[in-house]
Amino acid sequence: MSVTPESVQQLLGSENLGDRLRGVNQIRDLEPAIAFELIQTAVSDSNARVRYSAVSQLDTFGTQDAELSLNILRELLKDPEPDVQAAAADCLGALKLTSAFDDLQQLYDATPEWLVKFSIIATLGELGDPRGFELLQQALTSDNELIQTAAISSFGELGNTDAVPLLAPYAKNPDWQVRYRVVQAMSHLGGADAKAVLETMANDEVEAIANEAKKSLQAV
């Protein structure tokens, strides 16, 4: 049976949760403009799984109307379900909706949920707003290592070389995954200070880190 806007709309309006989830999954088979319209129905569904599935597609279809997407995602940052909030934060970064920076910062400060904090920090690099620097600096001191490593990566994506001295101490972190994020960030950031850190990391005991550092040094 072929997927049509009418068939998807019927599924989204069903009282059966399985139907509604199927409907959200089928949205991706439709023309982008129609898909975007139907997603607007799904993001306000009573079930969190449906809302999560819908918001997770907004990074693809949200470009249809950036202003409307911004308003939708701002509301979803207030969703009672942390998974939905986290997915909304991801989409704001993917769509580079920098107008939502203050909303993301307020949510980071207010939420007790580590997953939401992680998603906000992870999306700041992609968002590309220079105001994210201070929030990343705050996240770097988090007692949650996943949030720390997300901050290291986002510093690299943000591209502000002021991050180099902040990240340099993590080049000796006992967790090799943290060090790997550092070597990647230093490669993005560049400059003499980053090069000095990379030269040290070229001797790392973990081969993948040493190789990444050497590759970056060759590219300079």
C-alpha atoms as a PDB file:
ATOM      1  CA  MET A   1       0.000   0.000   0.000  1.00  0.00           C
ATOM      2  CA  SER A   2       1.494   3.349  -1.038  1.00  0.00           C
ATOM      3  CA  VAL A   3       2.105   6.107   1.481  1.00  0.00           C
ATOM      4  CA  THR A   4       0.032   9.235   0.849  1.00  0.00           C
ATOM      5  CA  PRO A   5      -0.527  12.409   2.891  1.00  0.00           C
ATOM      6  CA  GLU A   6      -4.086  11.203   3.523  1.00  0.00           C
ATOM      7  CA  SER A   7      -3.014   7.743   4.736  1.00  0.00           C
ATOM      8  CA  VAL A   8      -0.384   9.242   7.059  1.00  0.00           C
ATOM      9  CA  GLN A   9      -2.857  11.790   8.410  1.00  0.00           C
ATOM     10  CA  GLN A  10      -5.298   8.977   9.144  1.00  0.00           C
ATOM     11  CA  LEU A  11      -2.618   7.063  11.071  1.00  0.00           C
ATOM     12  CA  LEU A  12      -1.625  10.161  13.045  1.00  0.00           C
ATOM     13  CA  GLY A  13      -5.262  10.665  14.057  1.00  0.00           C
ATOM     14  CA  SER A  14      -5.708   7.061  15.216  1.00  0.00           C
ATOM     15  CA  GLU A  15      -6.390   6.212  18.864  1.00  0.00           C
ATOM     16  CA  ASN A  16      -3.931   3.319  18.501  1.00  0.00           C
ATOM     17  CA  LEU A  17      -0.361   4.240  19.558  1.00  0.00           C
ATOM     18  CA  GLY A  18       1.193   1.776  17.107  1.00  0.00           C
ATOM     19  CA  ASP A  19      -0.676   3.419  14.235  1.00  0.00           C
ATOM     20  CA  ARG A  20       0.469   6.877  15.264  1.00  0.00           C
ATOM     21  CA  LEU A  21       4.103   5.753  15.545  1.00  0.00           C
ATOM     22  CA  ARG A  22       3.827   4.144  12.121  1.00  0.00           C
ATOM     23  CA  GLY A  23       2.375   7.360  10.779  1.00  0.00           C
ATOM     24  CA  VAL A  24       5.300   9.408  12.105  1.00  0.00           C
ATOM     25  CA  ASN A  25       7.786   6.990  10.544  1.00  0.00           C
ATOM     26  CA  GLN A  26       6.002   7.242   7.198  1.00  0.00           C
ATOM     27  CA  ILE A  27       6.196  11.055   7.203  1.00  0.00           C
ATOM     28  CA  ARG A  28       9.761  10.792   5.893  1.00  0.00           C
ATOM     29  CA  ASP A  29       8.420   9.227   2.658  1.00  0.00           C
ATOM     30  CA  LEU A  30       6.415  12.335   1.787  1.00  0.00           C
ATOM     31  CA  GLU A  31       7.311  15.568   0.014  1.00  0.00           C
ATOM     32  CA  PRO A  32       9.206  17.856   2.438  1.00  0.00           C
ATOM     33  CA  ALA A  33       6.559  20.611   2.526  1.00  0.00           C
ATOM     34  CA  ILE A  34       3.768  18.112   3.294  1.00  0.00           C
ATOM     35  CA  ALA A  35       5.982  16.239   5.766  1.00  0.00           C
ATOM     36  CA  PHE A  36       6.682  19.460   7.655  1.00  0.00           C
ATOM     37  CA  GLU A  37       2.972  20.192   7.899  1.00  0.00           C
ATOM     38  CA  LEU A  38       2.161  16.729   9.277  1.00  0.00           C
ATOM     39  CA  ILE A  39       5.035  16.828  11.762  1.00  0.00           C
ATOM     40  CA  GLN A  40       3.372  19.855  13.335  1.00  0.00           C
ATOM     41  CA  THR A  41       0.476  17.582  14.287  1.00  0.00           C
ATOM     42  CA  ALA A  42       2.726  14.818  15.602  1.00  0.00           C
ATOM     43  CA  VAL A  43       4.889  17.027  17.858  1.00  0.00           C
ATOM     44  CA  SER A  44       1.827  17.804  19.980  1.00  0.00           C
ATOM     45  CA  ASP A  45       0.745  14.149  20.355  1.00  0.00           C
ATOM     46  CA  SER A  46      -0.252  13.018  23.842  1.00  0.00           C
ATOM     47  CA  ASN A  47       2.377  10.246  23.768  1.00  0.00           C
ATOM     48  CA  ALA A  48       6.051  11.119  24.366  1.00  0.00           C
ATOM     49  CA  ARG A  49       7.323   8.430  21.957  1.00  0.00           C
ATOM     50  CA  VAL A  50       5.325   9.960  19.106  1.00  0.00           C
ATOM     51  CA  ARG A  51       6.525  13.455  19.992  1.00  0.00           C
ATOM     52  CA  TYR A  52      10.125  12.229  20.167  1.00  0.00           C
ATOM     53  CA  SER A  53       9.897  10.491  16.777  1.00  0.00           C
ATOM     54  CA  ALA A  54       8.399  13.622  15.253  1.00  0.00           C
ATOM     55  CA  VAL A  55      10.899  16.114  16.669  1.00  0.00           C
ATOM     56  CA  SER A  56      13.756  13.863  15.574  1.00  0.00           C
ATOM     57  CA  GLN A  57      12.720  14.544  11.962  1.00  0.00           C
ATOM     58  CA  LEU A  58      12.592  18.306  12.307  1.00  0.00           C
ATOM     59  CA  ASP A  59      16.291  18.656  11.506  1.00  0.00           C
ATOM     60  CA  THR A  60      15.415  17.322   8.034  1.00  0.00           C
ATOM     61  CA  PHE A  61      12.129  19.104   7.373  1.00  0.00           C
ATOM     62  CA  GLY A  62      12.495  22.185   9.579  1.00  0.00           C
ATOM     63  CA  THR A  63      14.254  24.080   6.806  1.00  0.00           C
ATOM     64  CA  GLN A  64      10.832  24.467   5.149  1.00  0.00           C
ATOM     65  CA  ASP A  65      10.093  27.324   7.552  1.00  0.00           C
ATOM     66  CA  ALA A  66      12.927  28.295   9.912  1.00  0.00           C
ATOM     67  CA  GLU A  67      10.856  30.766  11.951  1.00  0.00           C
ATOM     68  CA  LEU A  68       8.030  28.299  12.559  1.00  0.00           C
ATOM     69  CA  SER A  69      10.542  25.547  13.377  1.00  0.00           C
ATOM     70  CA  LEU A  70      12.185  27.849  15.903  1.00  0.00           C
ATOM     71  CA  ASN A  71       8.848  28.460  17.636  1.00  0.00           C
ATOM     72  CA  ILE A  72       7.962  24.749  17.642  1.00  0.00           C
ATOM     73  CA  LEU A  73      11.349  23.721  19.039  1.00  0.00           C
ATOM     74  CA  ARG A  74      11.270  26.426  21.707  1.00  0.00           C
ATOM     75  CA  GLU A  75       8.004  24.971  22.962  1.00  0.00           C
ATOM     76  CA  LEU A  76       9.421  21.438  22.844  1.00  0.00           C
ATOM     77  CA  LEU A  77      12.296  22.530  25.097  1.00  0.00           C
ATOM     78  CA  LYS A  78       9.559  22.844  27.753  1.00  0.00           C
ATOM     79  CA  ASP A  79       8.205  19.330  27.098  1.00  0.00           C
ATOM     80  CA  PRO A  80       7.668  17.241  30.275  1.00  0.00           C
ATOM     81  CA  GLU A  81       9.704  14.401  28.739  1.00  0.00           C
ATOM     82  CA  PRO A  82      13.532  14.790  28.898  1.00  0.00           C
ATOM     83  CA  ASP A  83      14.020  12.723  25.701  1.00  0.00           C
ATOM     84  CA  VAL A  84      11.858  15.171  23.767  1.00  0.00           C
ATOM     85  CA  GLN A  85      13.687  18.183  25.242  1.00  0.00           C
ATOM     86  CA  ALA A  86      17.028  16.607  24.284  1.00  0.00           C
ATOM     87  CA  ALA A  87      15.869  15.927  20.718  1.00  0.00           C
ATOM     88  CA  ALA A  88      14.627  19.517  20.409  1.00  0.00           C
ATOM     89  CA  ALA A  89      18.042  20.808  21.506  1.00  0.00           C
ATOM     90  CA  ASP A  90      19.723  18.581  18.894  1.00  0.00           C
ATOM     91  CA  CYS A  91      17.476  19.982  16.145  1.00  0.00           C
ATOM     92  CA  LEU A  92      18.118  23.602  17.114  1.00  0.00           C
ATOM     93  CA  GLY A  93      21.834  22.999  16.594  1.00  0.00           C
ATOM     94  CA  ALA A  94      21.363  21.072  13.361  1.00  0.00           C
ATOM     95  CA  LEU A  95      19.192  23.870  11.945  1.00  0.00           C
ATOM     96  CA  LYS A  96      21.613  26.521  13.319  1.00  0.00           C
ATOM     97  CA  LEU A  97      18.764  28.442  14.952  1.00  0.00           C
ATOM     98  CA  THR A  98      20.983  30.755  17.000  1.00  0.00           C
ATOM     99  CA  SER A  99      17.974  32.794  18.172  1.00  0.00           C
ATOM    100  CA  ALA A 100      17.288  29.942  20.600  1.00  0.00           C
ATOM    101  CA  PHE A 101      20.640  30.257  22.368  1.00  0.00           C
ATOM    102  CA  ASP A 102      19.151  31.940  25.450  1.00  0.00           C
ATOM    103  CA  ASP A 103      16.467  29.235  25.659  1.00  0.00           C
ATOM    104  CA  LEU A 104      19.147  26.525  25.588  1.00  0.00           C
ATOM    105  CA  GLN A 105      21.208  28.273  28.246  1.00  0.00           C
ATOM    106  CA  GLN A 106      18.207  28.717  30.548  1.00  0.00           C
ATOM    107  CA  LEU A 107      17.251  25.061  30.165  1.00  0.00           C
ATOM    108  CA  TYR A 108      20.839  23.944  30.859  1.00  0.00           C
ATOM    109  CA  ASP A 109      20.863  25.922  34.105  1.00  0.00           C
ATOM    110  CA  ALA A 110      17.396  24.746  35.165  1.00  0.00           C
ATOM    111  CA  THR A 111      17.255  21.049  34.255  1.00  0.00           C
ATOM    112  CA  PRO A 112      18.351  18.268  36.620  1.00  0.00           C
ATOM    113  CA  GLU A 113      18.452  15.830  33.673  1.00  0.00           C
ATOM    114  CA  TRP A 114      21.967  14.894  32.532  1.00  0.00           C
ATOM    115  CA  LEU A 115      20.689  13.777  29.103  1.00  0.00           C
ATOM    116  CA  VAL A 116      19.197  17.197  28.410  1.00  0.00           C
ATOM    117  CA  LYS A 117      22.388  18.938  29.586  1.00  0.00           C
ATOM    118  CA  PHE A 118      24.447  16.610  27.376  1.00  0.00           C
ATOM    119  CA  SER A 119      22.320  17.328  24.287  1.00  0.00           C
ATOM    120  CA  ILE A 120      22.536  21.081  24.822  1.00  0.00           C
ATOM    121  CA  ILE A 121      26.326  20.997  25.191  1.00  0.00           C
ATOM    122  CA  ALA A 122      26.741  18.617  22.249  1.00  0.00           C
ATOM    123  CA  THR A 123      24.642  20.865  20.002  1.00  0.00           C
ATOM    124  CA  LEU A 124      26.440  24.127  20.831  1.00  0.00           C
ATOM    125  CA  GLY A 125      29.323  23.378  18.464  1.00  0.00           C
ATOM    126  CA  GLU A 126      26.947  22.757  15.575  1.00  0.00           C
ATOM    127  CA  LEU A 127      24.874  25.800  16.517  1.00  0.00           C
ATOM    128  CA  GLY A 128      28.021  27.879  16.036  1.00  0.00           C
ATOM    129  CA  ASP A 129      26.999  30.777  18.278  1.00  0.00           C
ATOM    130  CA  PRO A 130      30.068  32.439  19.887  1.00  0.00           C
ATOM    131  CA  ARG A 131      28.020  33.009  23.055  1.00  0.00           C
ATOM    132  CA  GLY A 132      28.260  29.254  23.648  1.00  0.00           C
ATOM    133  CA  PHE A 133      31.871  29.582  24.793  1.00  0.00           C
ATOM    134  CA  GLU A 134      31.073  30.419  28.422  1.00  0.00           C
ATOM    135  CA  LEU A 135      28.468  27.673  28.714  1.00  0.00           C
ATOM    136  CA  LEU A 136      30.967  25.151  27.322  1.00  0.00           C
ATOM    137  CA  GLN A 137      33.504  26.375  29.853  1.00  0.00           C
ATOM    138  CA  GLN A 138      30.958  25.698  32.602  1.00  0.00           C
ATOM    139  CA  ALA A 139      30.210  22.222  31.195  1.00  0.00           C
ATOM    140  CA  LEU A 140      33.908  21.373  31.135  1.00  0.00           C
ATOM    141  CA  THR A 141      33.851  21.331  34.951  1.00  0.00           C
ATOM    142  CA  SER A 142      30.794  19.036  35.105  1.00  0.00           C
ATOM    143  CA  ASP A 143      31.131  15.918  37.249  1.00  0.00           C
ATOM    144  CA  ASN A 144      29.523  13.975  34.402  1.00  0.00           C
ATOM    145  CA  GLU A 145      32.242  12.768  32.016  1.00  0.00           C
ATOM    146  CA  LEU A 146      29.862  12.510  29.055  1.00  0.00           C
ATOM    147  CA  ILE A 147      28.981  16.186  29.405  1.00  0.00           C
ATOM    148  CA  GLN A 148      32.705  17.000  29.714  1.00  0.00           C
ATOM    149  CA  THR A 149      33.580  15.138  26.531  1.00  0.00           C
ATOM    150  CA  ALA A 150      30.667  16.761  24.675  1.00  0.00           C
ATOM    151  CA  ALA A 151      32.025  20.158  25.739  1.00  0.00           C
ATOM    152  CA  ILE A 152      35.497  19.286  24.425  1.00  0.00           C
ATOM    153  CA  SER A 153      34.063  18.339  21.018  1.00  0.00           C
ATOM    154  CA  SER A 154      31.872  21.429  20.833  1.00  0.00           C
ATOM    155  CA  PHE A 155      34.826  23.675  21.690  1.00  0.00           C
ATOM    156  CA  GLY A 156      36.568  22.208  18.643  1.00  0.00           C
ATOM    157  CA  GLU A 157      33.563  22.862  16.406  1.00  0.00           C
ATOM    158  CA  LEU A 158      33.097  26.390  17.737  1.00  0.00           C
ATOM    159  CA  GLY A 159      36.608  27.233  16.575  1.00  0.00           C
ATOM    160  CA  ASN A 160      37.591  29.814  19.209  1.00  0.00           C
ATOM    161  CA  THR A 161      41.316  29.305  19.942  1.00  0.00           C
ATOM    162  CA  ASP A 162      40.793  30.669  23.476  1.00  0.00           C
ATOM    163  CA  ALA A 163      39.641  27.111  24.193  1.00  0.00           C
ATOM    164  CA  VAL A 164      43.148  25.669  23.694  1.00  0.00           C
ATOM    165  CA  PRO A 165      44.487  26.445  27.209  1.00  0.00           C
ATOM    166  CA  LEU A 166      41.204  25.204  28.717  1.00  0.00           C
ATOM    167  CA  LEU A 167      41.463  21.872  26.899  1.00  0.00           C
ATOM    168  CA  ALA A 168      45.227  21.336  27.187  1.00  0.00           C
ATOM    169  CA  PRO A 169      45.066  19.742  30.694  1.00  0.00           C
ATOM    170  CA  TYR A 170      42.645  17.104  29.345  1.00  0.00           C
ATOM    171  CA  ALA A 171      45.350  15.869  26.963  1.00  0.00           C
ATOM    172  CA  LYS A 172      46.638  13.875  29.971  1.00  0.00           C
ATOM    173  CA  ASN A 173      43.247  12.650  31.161  1.00  0.00           C
ATOM    174  CA  PRO A 174      43.333   8.966  32.233  1.00  0.00           C
ATOM    175  CA  ASP A 175      40.296   8.224  30.050  1.00  0.00           C
ATOM    176  CA  TRP A 176      41.538   7.622  26.502  1.00  0.00           C
ATOM    177  CA  GLN A 177      38.161   8.617  25.057  1.00  0.00           C
ATOM    178  CA  VAL A 178      38.525  12.072  26.610  1.00  0.00           C
ATOM    179  CA  ARG A 179      42.032  12.368  25.153  1.00  0.00           C
ATOM    180  CA  TYR A 180      40.734  11.317  21.742  1.00  0.00           C
ATOM    181  CA  ARG A 181      38.161  14.126  21.833  1.00  0.00           C
ATOM    182  CA  VAL A 182      40.953  16.541  22.807  1.00  0.00           C
ATOM    183  CA  VAL A 183      43.133  15.562  19.858  1.00  0.00           C
ATOM    184  CA  GLN A 184      40.170  16.042  17.504  1.00  0.00           C
ATOM    185  CA  ALA A 185      39.348  19.429  19.033  1.00  0.00           C
ATOM    186  CA  MET A 186      42.966  20.615  18.783  1.00  0.00           C
ATOM    187  CA  SER A 187      43.008  19.598  15.115  1.00  0.00           C
ATOM    188  CA  HIS A 188      39.972  21.819  14.494  1.00  0.00           C
ATOM    189  CA  LEU A 189      41.245  24.747  16.552  1.00  0.00           C
ATOM    190  CA  GLY A 190      44.754  25.011  15.095  1.00  0.00           C
ATOM    191  CA  GLY A 191      47.408  27.588  15.960  1.00  0.00           C
ATOM    192  CA  ALA A 192      50.788  27.318  17.667  1.00  0.00           C
ATOM    193  CA  ASP A 193      49.430  26.390  21.119  1.00  0.00           C
ATOM    194  CA  ALA A 194      47.224  23.637  19.714  1.00  0.00           C
ATOM    195  CA  LYS A 195      50.179  22.359  17.693  1.00  0.00           C
ATOM    196  CA  ALA A 196      52.268  22.098  20.863  1.00  0.00           C
ATOM    197  CA  VAL A 197      49.552  19.968  22.504  1.00  0.00           C
ATOM    198  CA  LEU A 198      49.293  17.781  19.397  1.00  0.00           C
ATOM    199  CA  GLU A 199      53.072  17.212  19.417  1.00  0.00           C
ATOM    200  CA  THR A 200      52.775  15.822  22.947  1.00  0.00           C
ATOM    201  CA  MET A 201      49.770  13.702  22.018  1.00  0.00           C
ATOM    202  CA  ALA A 202      51.632  12.212  19.049  1.00  0.00           C
ATOM    203  CA  ASN A 203      53.380  10.055  21.678  1.00  0.00           C
ATOM    204  CA  ASP A 204      50.155   8.895  23.336  1.00  0.00           C
ATOM    205  CA  GLU A 205      50.124   5.230  24.417  1.00  0.00           C
ATOM    206  CA  VAL A 206      46.842   4.709  22.545  1.00  0.00           C
ATOM    207  CA  GLU A 207      47.655   4.239  18.875  1.00  0.00           C
ATOM    208  CA  ALA A 208      44.466   5.843  17.552  1.00  0.00           C
ATOM    209  CA  ILE A 209      45.209   9.055  19.479  1.00  0.00           C
ATOM    210  CA  ALA A 210      48.877   9.160  18.460  1.00  0.00           C
ATOM    211  CA  ASN A 211      47.946   8.578  14.808  1.00  0.00           C
ATOM    212  CA  GLU A 212      45.281  11.288  14.858  1.00  0.00           C
ATOM    213  CA  ALA A 213      47.765  13.758  16.353  1.00  0.00           C
ATOM    214  CA  LYS A 214      50.429  12.903  13.754  1.00  0.00           C
ATOM    215  CA  LYS A 215      47.922  13.216  10.933  1.00  0.00           C
ATOM    216  CA  SER A 216      46.885  16.650  12.174  1.00  0.00           C
ATOM    217  CA  LEU A 217      50.495  17.802  12.486  1.00  0.00           C
ATOM    218  CA  GLN A 218      51.201  16.729   8.906  1.00  0.00           C
ATOM    219  CA  ALA A 219      48.227  18.752   7.698  1.00  0.00           C
ATOM    220  CA  VAL A 220      49.482  21.971   9.344  1.00  0.00           C
END
